């Protein structure tokens, strides 16, 4: 039912892989939010003036900020559609996050202002007169906000928009705040106990809390939020479907806004394989990702020796040691870029390990644990270990 509205205004609305369709769906959602929130705000302002209720007026302003939020979000989606240029070679998609941050800050500031007004009304309360139309409008507001929340969730999931999902959460918060105002109005009418100032404070605090949460939520992508583990897993799984690929590591996903991802990854191929064949495999992977998912993937080719029995045996022994150290640190540590450089007096074992960012062990401590155990295999082994931090890969925690 909620997506039916999209079908009325957006041609081919199900084809969300097309950025133009996605933007059109977001624009429809924004317009629906603007119209419905302005309608509710005007009704509540009128009732707030008639009843002299600061709580209803605060709730009206809350709806007005939601309308402003929808307007800024709509502008953000419009600006985000601008193509890449010389100054912004990665496009303008992050404008969507910036507009969300602006909205969140405006909500927080308005909440603080209404909290001050509500506290002042506690010391000089005005008489409120809740009428039947006031109760009817509050009930209608709750029903509209419930529908709004479901609509935003449906469209947000449809086009994979965190901004709309956050807006849906804001609508659910409005349901709770308006319900509190309705309950307080009933108590005031039935008992003559004036709770208006206290309810105004409650609504204002609710607005402030919502604003702060939204500030954090919209700032995360700008700061460099880790990608969804499902996304990184799907990228890795797709890479592993290509014949001639032995493995991958150092997968990094850089998000420049919705449907604007740049990926870098190291892909392992047999060292014995013709370099032109390996290069062709890498080219195919990069091209297929761009064509099928729109992701710009840059792949570093890593040759892995597979035909040397002695190196394979050493690799297996060192991998077993890394596994034992994983059990100590509590996380799965993976090993890659393994090389053996033989000398007259010693043999260098050169490899990288992927360590989780939140590991309580330092790189030096982990290297030392591995080096100590490797020397037990042979005193002639000298390890050269590079610790990579897993910025985007899913790290399995051990119990």
Protein backbone atom coordinates (compact mmCIF):
# COMPACT_ATOMS: atom_id res chain seq x y z
CA UNK A 1 0.00 0.00 0.00
CA UNK A 2 2.77 2.47 0.95
CA UNK A 3 4.70 1.82 -2.25
CA UNK A 4 1.48 2.37 -4.23
CA UNK A 5 2.06 6.11 -3.84
CA UNK A 6 5.43 5.74 -5.58
CA UNK A 7 3.79 3.94 -8.49
CA UNK A 8 1.55 6.97 -9.04
CA UNK A 9 4.42 9.44 -9.42
CA UNK A 10 7.51 7.43 -10.41
CA UNK A 11 7.69 5.47 -13.63
CA UNK A 12 9.45 2.12 -13.21
CA UNK A 13 9.65 2.74 -9.44
CA UNK A 14 10.85 -0.82 -8.77
CA UNK A 15 14.08 -0.28 -10.72
CA UNK A 16 15.96 1.23 -7.74
CA UNK A 17 19.35 0.29 -9.24
CA UNK A 18 18.82 3.32 -11.51
CA UNK A 19 19.99 6.43 -9.57
CA UNK A 20 17.33 8.53 -11.29
CA UNK A 21 14.55 6.25 -10.08
CA UNK A 22 16.01 6.24 -6.57
CA UNK A 23 16.15 10.04 -6.50
CA UNK A 24 12.58 10.31 -7.77
CA UNK A 25 11.32 7.95 -5.05
CA UNK A 26 13.16 10.00 -2.42
CA UNK A 27 11.62 13.20 -3.81
CA UNK A 28 8.10 11.75 -3.56
CA UNK A 29 8.75 10.69 0.03
CA UNK A 30 10.03 14.19 0.82
CA UNK A 31 6.97 15.88 -0.70
CA UNK A 32 4.62 13.57 1.24
CA UNK A 33 6.45 14.51 4.44
CA UNK A 34 6.29 18.23 3.69
CA UNK A 35 2.56 18.28 2.93
CA UNK A 36 1.47 16.06 5.83
CA UNK A 37 3.69 17.76 8.43
CA UNK A 38 2.69 21.30 7.43
CA UNK A 39 -0.97 20.23 7.59
CA UNK A 40 -0.55 18.80 11.11
CA UNK A 41 1.51 21.77 12.25
CA UNK A 42 -1.08 24.35 11.15
CA UNK A 43 -3.89 22.45 12.87
CA UNK A 44 -1.95 22.18 16.12
CA UNK A 45 -0.85 25.83 16.09
CA UNK A 46 -4.49 26.92 15.78
CA UNK A 47 -5.57 24.55 18.59
CA UNK A 48 -2.55 25.55 20.70
CA UNK A 49 -3.54 29.22 20.47
CA UNK A 50 -7.21 28.50 21.21
CA UNK A 51 -6.44 26.30 24.23
CA UNK A 52 -3.38 28.34 25.40
CA UNK A 53 -1.46 25.05 25.56
CA UNK A 54 2.31 25.32 25.32
CA UNK A 55 2.53 21.51 25.02
CA UNK A 56 0.35 21.44 21.89
CA UNK A 57 2.22 24.44 20.47
CA UNK A 58 5.54 22.67 21.11
CA UNK A 59 4.18 19.58 19.36
CA UNK A 60 3.10 21.81 16.46
CA UNK A 61 6.60 23.26 16.14
CA UNK A 62 7.94 19.70 16.29
CA UNK A 63 5.83 18.89 13.23
CA UNK A 64 7.01 22.10 11.57
CA UNK A 65 10.65 21.06 12.09
CA UNK A 66 9.74 17.74 10.49
CA UNK A 67 8.41 19.65 7.46
CA UNK A 68 11.63 21.68 7.39
CA UNK A 69 13.56 18.44 7.69
CA UNK A 70 11.72 17.08 4.65
CA UNK A 71 12.42 20.27 2.68
CA UNK A 72 16.14 20.20 3.49
CA UNK A 73 16.26 16.46 2.75
CA UNK A 74 14.55 17.08 -0.59
CA UNK A 75 17.06 19.82 -1.42
CA UNK A 76 19.85 17.46 -0.38
CA UNK A 77 18.65 14.73 -2.74
CA UNK A 78 18.44 17.30 -5.55
CA UNK A 79 21.96 18.61 -4.96
CA UNK A 80 23.33 15.10 -4.53
CA UNK A 81 22.30 14.31 -8.11
CA UNK A 82 24.91 16.75 -9.47
CA UNK A 83 27.50 14.85 -11.51
CA UNK A 84 31.17 14.69 -10.57
CA UNK A 85 33.28 17.68 -11.52
CA UNK A 86 36.92 18.77 -11.34
CA UNK A 87 36.61 19.92 -7.71
CA UNK A 88 34.53 16.92 -6.61
CA UNK A 89 35.72 13.96 -8.71
CA UNK A 90 33.83 11.47 -6.52
CA UNK A 91 30.49 13.19 -7.03
CA UNK A 92 28.18 15.05 -4.63
CA UNK A 93 26.32 12.17 -3.02
CA UNK A 94 27.57 13.01 0.48
CA UNK A 95 25.44 16.18 0.39
CA UNK A 96 22.61 13.86 1.45
CA UNK A 97 24.47 13.23 4.72
CA UNK A 98 25.30 16.92 5.21
CA UNK A 99 21.64 17.97 4.86
CA UNK A 100 20.68 15.28 7.36
CA UNK A 101 23.23 16.71 9.79
CA UNK A 102 21.85 20.24 9.34
CA UNK A 103 18.30 19.02 10.02
CA UNK A 104 19.44 17.20 13.14
CA UNK A 105 21.14 20.31 14.53
CA UNK A 106 18.08 22.49 13.83
CA UNK A 107 15.84 19.98 15.65
CA UNK A 108 18.17 20.00 18.67
CA UNK A 109 18.30 23.82 18.84
CA UNK A 110 14.50 24.15 18.62
CA UNK A 111 14.15 21.52 21.34
CA UNK A 112 16.40 23.56 23.65
CA UNK A 113 14.39 26.73 22.97
CA UNK A 114 11.10 25.02 23.79
CA UNK A 115 12.56 23.49 26.92
CA UNK A 116 13.41 27.01 28.13
CA UNK A 117 9.87 28.22 27.32
CA UNK A 118 8.30 25.22 29.06
CA UNK A 119 10.39 25.71 32.20
CA UNK A 120 9.36 29.38 32.29
CA UNK A 121 5.68 28.37 32.03
CA UNK A 122 6.07 26.20 35.15
CA UNK A 123 6.68 29.37 37.19
CA UNK A 124 3.97 31.42 35.48
CA UNK A 125 1.39 28.90 34.20
CA UNK A 126 -1.50 30.01 31.98
CA UNK A 127 -4.93 28.45 32.15
CA UNK A 128 -5.56 25.84 29.47
CA UNK A 129 -8.92 24.95 27.99
CA UNK A 130 -8.82 21.63 26.15
CA UNK A 131 -11.80 21.30 23.77
CA UNK A 132 -13.18 18.29 21.91
CA UNK A 133 -11.63 19.46 18.57
CA UNK A 134 -8.25 19.55 20.32
CA UNK A 135 -8.55 15.89 21.31
CA UNK A 136 -9.73 14.94 17.81
CA UNK A 137 -6.76 16.69 16.18
CA UNK A 138 -4.30 15.02 18.54
CA UNK A 139 -5.75 11.59 17.73
CA UNK A 140 -5.65 12.35 13.98
CA UNK A 141 -2.03 13.48 14.38
CA UNK A 142 -1.08 10.19 16.03
CA UNK A 143 -2.71 8.18 13.22
CA UNK A 144 -1.05 10.28 10.50
CA UNK A 145 2.35 9.92 12.18
CA UNK A 146 1.92 6.14 12.45
CA UNK A 147 1.18 6.01 8.73
CA UNK A 148 4.11 8.34 8.00
CA UNK A 149 6.50 6.06 9.88
CA UNK A 150 5.38 2.98 7.93
CA UNK A 151 5.60 4.92 4.65
CA UNK A 152 9.15 6.14 5.31
CA UNK A 153 10.30 2.67 6.36
CA UNK A 154 8.81 1.11 3.22
CA UNK A 155 10.39 3.68 0.88
CA UNK A 156 13.67 3.73 2.87
CA UNK A 157 14.06 -0.03 2.53
CA UNK A 158 12.95 0.12 -1.09
CA UNK A 159 15.71 2.56 -2.10
CA UNK A 160 18.15 1.68 0.73
CA UNK A 161 18.17 5.19 2.23
CA UNK A 162 19.44 5.65 5.79
CA UNK A 163 18.09 9.20 5.71
CA UNK A 164 14.50 8.02 5.20
CA UNK A 165 14.90 5.25 7.79
CA UNK A 166 16.04 7.92 10.27
CA UNK A 167 13.03 10.05 9.31
CA UNK A 168 10.76 7.07 10.02
CA UNK A 169 12.29 6.81 13.47
CA UNK A 170 11.58 10.51 14.02
CA UNK A 171 7.93 9.94 13.07
CA UNK A 172 7.66 7.12 15.62
CA UNK A 173 9.08 9.48 18.23
CA UNK A 174 6.40 12.02 17.31
CA UNK A 175 3.72 9.39 17.96
CA UNK A 176 5.03 8.97 21.51
CA UNK A 177 5.34 12.71 22.18
CA UNK A 178 1.83 13.49 20.83
CA UNK A 179 0.42 10.57 22.83
CA UNK A 180 1.97 12.09 25.96
CA UNK A 181 0.33 15.44 25.16
CA UNK A 182 -3.02 13.70 24.59
CA UNK A 183 -2.78 11.82 27.88
CA UNK A 184 -1.87 15.00 29.75
CA UNK A 185 -4.76 16.87 28.14
CA UNK A 186 -7.19 14.17 29.26
CA UNK A 187 -5.83 14.28 32.81
CA UNK A 188 -6.10 18.10 32.86
CA UNK A 189 -9.68 18.03 31.58
CA UNK A 190 -10.80 15.30 34.00
CA UNK A 191 -8.95 16.43 37.14
CA UNK A 192 -8.27 20.14 36.57
CA UNK A 193 -4.60 19.46 37.35
CA UNK A 194 -2.60 21.59 34.90
CA UNK A 195 0.23 19.46 33.47
CA UNK A 196 0.80 21.62 30.41
CA UNK A 197 4.18 23.03 31.45
CA UNK A 198 5.47 19.62 32.49
CA UNK A 199 4.25 18.09 29.23
CA UNK A 200 5.93 20.90 27.32
CA UNK A 201 9.20 20.03 29.08
CA UNK A 202 8.72 16.34 28.27
CA UNK A 203 8.11 17.04 24.58
CA UNK A 204 11.07 19.44 24.43
CA UNK A 205 13.40 16.87 26.03
CA UNK A 206 12.09 14.29 23.57
CA UNK A 207 12.88 16.64 20.67
CA UNK A 208 16.40 17.28 22.01
CA UNK A 209 17.09 13.57 22.45
CA UNK A 210 15.85 12.82 18.92
CA UNK A 211 18.01 15.63 17.53
CA UNK A 212 21.16 14.43 19.27
CA UNK A 213 20.59 10.84 18.12
CA UNK A 214 20.08 12.03 14.55
CA UNK A 215 23.25 14.17 14.72
CA UNK A 216 25.25 11.07 15.65
CA UNK A 217 23.52 8.93 13.04
CA UNK A 218 24.02 11.38 10.17
CA UNK A 219 27.60 12.27 11.16
CA UNK A 220 28.79 8.66 11.16
CA UNK A 221 28.96 8.28 7.34
CA UNK A 222 30.85 11.58 7.08
CA UNK A 223 33.40 10.41 9.65
CA UNK A 224 33.96 7.14 7.79
CA UNK A 225 31.52 4.53 9.06
CA UNK A 226 32.51 0.91 8.52
CA UNK A 227 30.53 -0.63 5.65
CA UNK A 228 27.80 -3.17 6.23
CA UNK A 229 29.40 -6.62 6.78
CA UNK A 230 26.87 -8.05 4.33
CA UNK A 231 28.24 -5.72 1.64
CA UNK A 232 31.90 -6.67 2.21
CA UNK A 233 30.96 -10.36 2.30
CA UNK A 234 29.01 -10.08 -0.96
CA UNK A 235 32.00 -8.36 -2.61
CA UNK A 236 34.39 -11.07 -1.40
CA UNK A 237 32.03 -13.89 -2.39
CA UNK A 238 31.68 -12.47 -5.91
CA UNK A 239 35.47 -12.16 -6.30
CA UNK A 240 35.92 -15.79 -5.28
CA UNK A 241 33.58 -16.98 -8.06
CA UNK A 242 36.19 -16.19 -10.73
CA UNK A 243 38.34 -19.08 -11.91
CA UNK A 244 42.02 -18.55 -11.13
CA UNK A 245 41.41 -16.52 -7.96
CA UNK A 246 42.95 -18.09 -4.85
CA UNK A 247 41.82 -15.54 -2.27
CA UNK A 248 41.56 -11.86 -1.39
CA UNK A 249 42.52 -9.52 1.45
CA UNK A 250 42.90 -5.83 2.37
CA UNK A 251 39.36 -5.14 1.19
CA UNK A 252 38.53 -1.45 1.63
CA UNK A 253 35.19 0.19 0.86
CA UNK A 254 35.05 3.98 0.55
CA UNK A 255 31.54 5.41 0.66
CA UNK A 256 30.96 8.73 -1.09
CA UNK A 257 27.21 8.61 -0.61
CA UNK A 258 24.36 6.23 -1.47
CA UNK A 259 25.12 4.07 -4.55
CA UNK A 260 28.56 5.73 -4.80
CA UNK A 261 31.10 3.16 -3.58
CA UNK A 262 34.78 2.84 -4.42
CA UNK A 263 36.46 -0.44 -3.52
CA UNK A 264 40.11 -1.45 -3.33
CA UNK A 265 41.18 -5.04 -2.72
CA UNK A 266 44.18 -7.35 -3.11
CA UNK A 267 43.38 -10.51 -5.09
CA UNK A 268 45.63 -13.57 -4.96
CA UNK A 269 46.42 -15.51 -8.13
CA UNK A 270 48.88 -18.37 -8.82
CA UNK A 271 52.41 -17.06 -9.32
CA UNK A 272 52.99 -19.75 -11.96
CA UNK A 273 50.11 -18.46 -14.09
CA UNK A 274 50.86 -16.28 -17.12
CA UNK A 275 50.79 -12.64 -15.99
CA UNK A 276 48.62 -11.69 -18.98
CA UNK A 277 46.04 -14.31 -17.98
CA UNK A 278 46.01 -13.04 -14.38
CA UNK A 279 45.73 -9.45 -15.58
CA UNK A 280 42.78 -10.40 -17.78
CA UNK A 281 41.00 -11.98 -14.78
CA UNK A 282 41.52 -8.79 -12.76
CA UNK A 283 40.20 -6.63 -15.62
CA UNK A 284 37.09 -8.82 -15.90
CA UNK A 285 36.37 -8.55 -12.18
CA UNK A 286 36.68 -4.75 -12.21
CA UNK A 287 34.52 -4.41 -15.32
CA UNK A 288 31.81 -6.79 -14.03
CA UNK A 289 31.52 -4.96 -10.72
CA UNK A 290 31.10 -1.61 -12.44
CA UNK A 291 28.55 -2.97 -14.92
CA UNK A 292 26.52 -5.06 -12.46
CA UNK A 293 26.72 -3.07 -9.22
CA UNK A 294 27.98 0.40 -10.16
CA UNK A 295 30.97 -0.03 -7.82
CA UNK A 296 34.36 1.27 -8.92
CA UNK A 297 36.74 -1.54 -7.94
CA UNK A 298 40.53 -1.22 -8.08
CA UNK A 299 42.39 -4.53 -7.65
CA UNK A 300 46.00 -5.11 -6.69
CA UNK A 301 47.27 -8.41 -8.08
CA UNK A 302 49.11 -10.60 -5.55
CA UNK A 303 50.98 -13.66 -6.96
CA UNK A 304 51.04 -16.68 -4.64
CA UNK A 305 53.51 -19.55 -5.07
CA UNK A 306 51.52 -22.79 -5.25
CA UNK A 307 53.89 -25.26 -6.95
CA UNK A 308 56.67 -25.35 -4.30
CA UNK A 309 56.03 -28.19 -1.83
CA UNK A 310 58.52 -26.88 0.75
CA UNK A 311 57.00 -23.38 0.77
CA UNK A 312 53.52 -24.87 1.04
CA UNK A 313 54.61 -26.92 4.06
CA UNK A 314 56.14 -23.86 5.79
CA UNK A 315 53.01 -21.84 4.99
CA UNK A 316 50.85 -24.50 6.60
CA UNK A 317 52.97 -24.53 9.77
CA UNK A 318 52.96 -20.74 10.11
CA UNK A 319 49.20 -20.62 9.43
CA UNK A 320 48.72 -23.08 12.29
CA UNK A 321 50.75 -20.78 14.59
CA UNK A 322 48.67 -17.75 13.56
CA UNK A 323 45.56 -19.77 14.39
CA UNK A 324 46.88 -20.53 17.90
CA UNK A 325 47.69 -16.85 18.47
CA UNK A 326 44.14 -16.03 17.33
CA UNK A 327 42.83 -18.15 20.20
CA UNK A 328 44.94 -16.10 22.63
CA UNK A 329 43.88 -12.64 21.40
CA UNK A 330 40.22 -13.68 21.02
CA UNK A 331 39.86 -12.80 17.31
CA UNK A 332 40.48 -14.63 14.06
CA UNK A 333 43.74 -13.31 12.60
CA UNK A 334 44.25 -14.05 8.91
CA UNK A 335 47.54 -14.31 7.05
CA UNK A 336 48.34 -13.28 3.47
CA UNK A 337 51.17 -12.26 1.13
CA UNK A 338 53.29 -15.16 2.39
CA UNK A 339 56.79 -15.36 0.88
CA UNK A 340 59.93 -17.35 1.65
CA UNK A 341 63.33 -15.80 0.91
CA UNK A 342 66.16 -18.28 1.45
CA UNK A 343 69.65 -17.12 2.46
CA UNK A 344 72.94 -18.85 3.36
CA UNK A 345 72.55 -18.45 7.15
CA UNK A 346 68.80 -17.89 7.61
CA UNK A 347 65.45 -17.93 5.83
CA UNK A 348 63.14 -14.91 5.86
CA UNK A 349 59.43 -15.63 6.23
CA UNK A 350 57.69 -12.51 4.99
CA UNK A 351 53.92 -12.14 5.42
CA UNK A 352 51.09 -9.84 6.50
CA UNK A 353 48.46 -10.48 9.14
CA UNK A 354 45.02 -8.83 9.41
CA UNK A 355 44.32 -7.66 12.97
CA UNK A 356 40.98 -6.22 14.17
CA UNK A 357 40.94 -2.48 14.91
CA UNK A 358 39.57 -2.97 18.43
CA UNK A 359 42.09 -5.62 19.49
CA UNK A 360 43.42 -4.96 23.01
CA UNK A 361 46.79 -6.37 21.93
CA UNK A 362 49.28 -4.09 20.18
CA UNK A 363 50.83 -4.98 16.83
CA UNK A 364 54.17 -5.50 18.59
CA UNK A 365 52.67 -7.97 21.08
CA UNK A 366 50.97 -10.00 18.37
CA UNK A 367 54.12 -10.07 16.21
CA UNK A 368 56.17 -11.18 19.20
CA UNK A 369 53.81 -14.07 19.96
CA UNK A 370 54.02 -15.28 16.36
CA UNK A 371 57.80 -14.79 16.07
CA UNK A 372 58.48 -16.75 19.28
CA UNK A 373 56.49 -19.74 18.02
CA UNK A 374 57.97 -19.58 14.51
CA UNK A 375 61.52 -19.77 15.93
CA UNK A 376 60.49 -22.97 17.69
CA UNK A 377 60.00 -24.48 14.23
CA UNK A 378 63.57 -23.56 13.27
CA UNK A 379 66.08 -21.11 14.79
CA UNK A 380 67.08 -20.22 11.22
CA UNK A 381 63.65 -18.71 10.51
CA UNK A 382 63.49 -14.94 10.61
CA UNK A 383 60.03 -13.39 10.42
CA UNK A 384 59.16 -10.09 8.75
CA UNK A 385 55.54 -9.44 9.73
CA UNK A 386 53.35 -6.51 8.69
CA UNK A 387 50.17 -5.92 10.71
CA UNK A 388 47.20 -4.68 8.70
CA UNK A 389 44.15 -3.34 10.52
CA UNK A 390 40.79 -4.70 9.31
CA UNK A 391 38.98 -1.46 8.52
CA UNK A 392 36.15 -2.94 6.51
CA UNK A 393 36.27 -6.71 6.74
CA UNK A 394 34.13 -8.69 9.11
CA UNK A 395 36.27 -9.92 11.99
CA UNK A 396 35.15 -13.07 13.74
CA UNK A 397 35.35 -12.86 17.51
CA UNK A 398 36.31 -16.03 19.36
CA UNK A 399 34.61 -17.04 22.60
